[in-house]
Amino acid sequence: MATGRLTDINTMDSTTEHAHEEEHIHMPPPSWAPVVLALGMALIGFGIVWIAEVPGVAAVGFGILLLLVGLVRWIYEDIRTVAEPH
């Protein structure tokens, strides 16, 4: 009886290993776009707090620019990654 149980466990392990070999998880390539996007959002937040000062207005403007650059770059990278053959 114990031998049958060990055989079942061994069979289960081999099918579990086989299932993991077939499984494929898609990971996107590394990118700086989320960091640029987050920096732009942080500058916009800083600029809104200090909007009465001249550096605050400049921070909002530069933050919007960084936000747009990061967003466009991230979308471009995603489209390019999807279009590449696997």
C-alpha atoms as a PDB file:
ATOM      1  CA  MET A   1       0.000   0.000   0.000  1.00  0.00           C
ATOM      2  CA  ALA A   2       2.793   2.416   0.859  1.00  0.00           C
ATOM      3  CA  THR A   3       4.540   1.604  -2.424  1.00  0.00           C
ATOM      4  CA  GLY A   4       1.416   2.583  -4.376  1.00  0.00           C
ATOM      5  CA  ARG A   5       1.272   5.865  -2.532  1.00  0.00           C
ATOM      6  CA  LEU A   6       4.913   6.629  -3.295  1.00  0.00           C
ATOM      7  CA  THR A   7       4.271   5.842  -6.939  1.00  0.00           C
ATOM      8  CA  ASP A   8       1.336   8.280  -6.944  1.00  0.00           C
ATOM      9  CA  ILE A   9       3.475  11.008  -5.417  1.00  0.00           C
ATOM     10  CA  ASN A  10       6.228  10.414  -7.969  1.00  0.00           C
ATOM     11  CA  THR A  11       3.689  10.501 -10.808  1.00  0.00           C
ATOM     12  CA  MET A  12       2.201  13.715  -9.423  1.00  0.00           C
ATOM     13  CA  ASP A  13       5.655  15.318  -9.226  1.00  0.00           C
ATOM     14  CA  SER A  14       6.505  14.455 -12.818  1.00  0.00           C
ATOM     15  CA  THR A  15       3.194  15.855 -14.121  1.00  0.00           C
ATOM     16  CA  THR A  16       3.642  18.977 -12.016  1.00  0.00           C
ATOM     17  CA  GLU A  17       7.120  19.493 -13.487  1.00  0.00           C
ATOM     18  CA  HIS A  18       5.731  18.906 -16.979  1.00  0.00           C
ATOM     19  CA  ALA A  19       3.005  21.499 -16.382  1.00  0.00           C
ATOM     20  CA  HIS A  20       5.602  24.077 -15.359  1.00  0.00           C
ATOM     21  CA  GLU A  21       7.616  23.478 -18.535  1.00  0.00           C
ATOM     22  CA  GLU A  22       4.589  24.336 -20.705  1.00  0.00           C
ATOM     23  CA  GLU A  23       3.693  27.461 -18.729  1.00  0.00           C
ATOM     24  CA  HIS A  24       4.992  30.719 -20.225  1.00  0.00           C
ATOM     25  CA  ILE A  25       4.835  34.051 -18.448  1.00  0.00           C
ATOM     26  CA  HIS A  26       5.341  37.141 -20.599  1.00  0.00           C
ATOM     27  CA  MET A  27       7.456  39.819 -18.952  1.00  0.00           C
ATOM     28  CA  PRO A  28       7.929  43.205 -20.593  1.00  0.00           C
ATOM     29  CA  PRO A  29      11.477  44.471 -21.113  1.00  0.00           C
ATOM     30  CA  PRO A  30      12.892  46.932 -18.561  1.00  0.00           C
ATOM     31  CA  SER A  31      12.056  50.574 -19.181  1.00  0.00           C
ATOM     32  CA  TRP A  32      12.861  54.031 -17.836  1.00  0.00           C
ATOM     33  CA  ALA A  33       9.478  55.395 -18.974  1.00  0.00           C
ATOM     34  CA  PRO A  34       7.651  54.736 -15.651  1.00  0.00           C
ATOM     35  CA  VAL A  35      10.433  56.516 -13.752  1.00  0.00           C
ATOM     36  CA  VAL A  36      10.237  59.559 -16.053  1.00  0.00           C
ATOM     37  CA  LEU A  37       6.442  59.546 -15.744  1.00  0.00           C
ATOM     38  CA  ALA A  38       6.644  59.411 -11.928  1.00  0.00           C
ATOM     39  CA  LEU A  39       9.225  62.209 -11.851  1.00  0.00           C
ATOM     40  CA  GLY A  40       6.934  64.362 -13.991  1.00  0.00           C
ATOM     41  CA  MET A  41       4.032  63.713 -11.641  1.00  0.00           C
ATOM     42  CA  ALA A  42       6.187  64.577  -8.626  1.00  0.00           C
ATOM     43  CA  LEU A  43       7.283  67.849 -10.226  1.00  0.00           C
ATOM     44  CA  ILE A  44       3.679  68.733 -11.023  1.00  0.00           C
ATOM     45  CA  GLY A  45       2.735  68.086  -7.388  1.00  0.00           C
ATOM     46  CA  PHE A  46       5.669  70.162  -6.142  1.00  0.00           C
ATOM     47  CA  GLY A  47       4.760  72.954  -8.555  1.00  0.00           C
ATOM     48  CA  ILE A  48       1.119  72.999  -7.447  1.00  0.00           C
ATOM     49  CA  VAL A  49       2.170  73.381  -3.813  1.00  0.00           C
ATOM     50  CA  TRP A  50       4.548  76.244  -4.704  1.00  0.00           C
ATOM     51  CA  ILE A  51       2.460  77.748  -7.548  1.00  0.00           C
ATOM     52  CA  ALA A  52       2.680  81.261  -6.085  1.00  0.00           C
ATOM     53  CA  GLU A  53       6.430  81.258  -6.640  1.00  0.00           C
ATOM     54  CA  VAL A  54       8.143  81.397 -10.029  1.00  0.00           C
ATOM     55  CA  PRO A  55       9.905  78.019  -9.531  1.00  0.00           C
ATOM     56  CA  GLY A  56       6.475  76.468  -8.909  1.00  0.00           C
ATOM     57  CA  VAL A  57       5.180  77.512 -12.338  1.00  0.00           C
ATOM     58  CA  ALA A  58       8.373  76.251 -13.982  1.00  0.00           C
ATOM     59  CA  ALA A  59       8.089  72.952 -12.081  1.00  0.00           C
ATOM     60  CA  VAL A  60       4.510  72.446 -13.292  1.00  0.00           C
ATOM     61  CA  GLY A  61       5.551  73.169 -16.888  1.00  0.00           C
ATOM     62  CA  PHE A  62       8.582  70.887 -16.770  1.00  0.00           C
ATOM     63  CA  GLY A  63       6.563  68.242 -14.933  1.00  0.00           C
ATOM     64  CA  ILE A  64       3.906  68.239 -17.665  1.00  0.00           C
ATOM     65  CA  LEU A  65       6.645  67.911 -20.276  1.00  0.00           C
ATOM     66  CA  LEU A  66       8.232  64.951 -18.446  1.00  0.00           C
ATOM     67  CA  LEU A  67       4.827  63.358 -17.901  1.00  0.00           C
ATOM     68  CA  LEU A  68       4.021  63.527 -21.607  1.00  0.00           C
ATOM     69  CA  VAL A  69       7.462  62.260 -22.658  1.00  0.00           C
ATOM     70  CA  GLY A  70       7.253  59.345 -20.218  1.00  0.00           C
ATOM     71  CA  LEU A  71       3.705  58.466 -21.250  1.00  0.00           C
ATOM     72  CA  VAL A  72       4.406  58.590 -24.986  1.00  0.00           C
ATOM     73  CA  ARG A  73       7.612  56.580 -24.563  1.00  0.00           C
ATOM     74  CA  TRP A  74       5.875  53.935 -22.454  1.00  0.00           C
ATOM     75  CA  ILE A  75       3.031  53.561 -24.972  1.00  0.00           C
ATOM     76  CA  TYR A  76       5.541  53.392 -27.849  1.00  0.00           C
ATOM     77  CA  GLU A  77       7.559  50.665 -26.078  1.00  0.00           C
ATOM     78  CA  ASP A  78       4.396  48.681 -25.376  1.00  0.00           C
ATOM     79  CA  ILE A  79       3.255  48.858 -28.999  1.00  0.00           C
ATOM     80  CA  ARG A  80       6.723  47.885 -30.211  1.00  0.00           C
ATOM     81  CA  THR A  81       6.893  44.938 -27.776  1.00  0.00           C
ATOM     82  CA  VAL A  82       3.492  43.617 -28.850  1.00  0.00           C
ATOM     83  CA  ALA A  83       4.377  43.974 -32.545  1.00  0.00           C
ATOM     84  CA  GLU A  84       7.629  41.962 -32.206  1.00  0.00           C
ATOM     85  CA  PRO A  85       7.336  38.287 -33.160  1.00  0.00           C
ATOM     86  CA  HIS A  86       7.988  35.850 -30.316  1.00  0.00           C
END
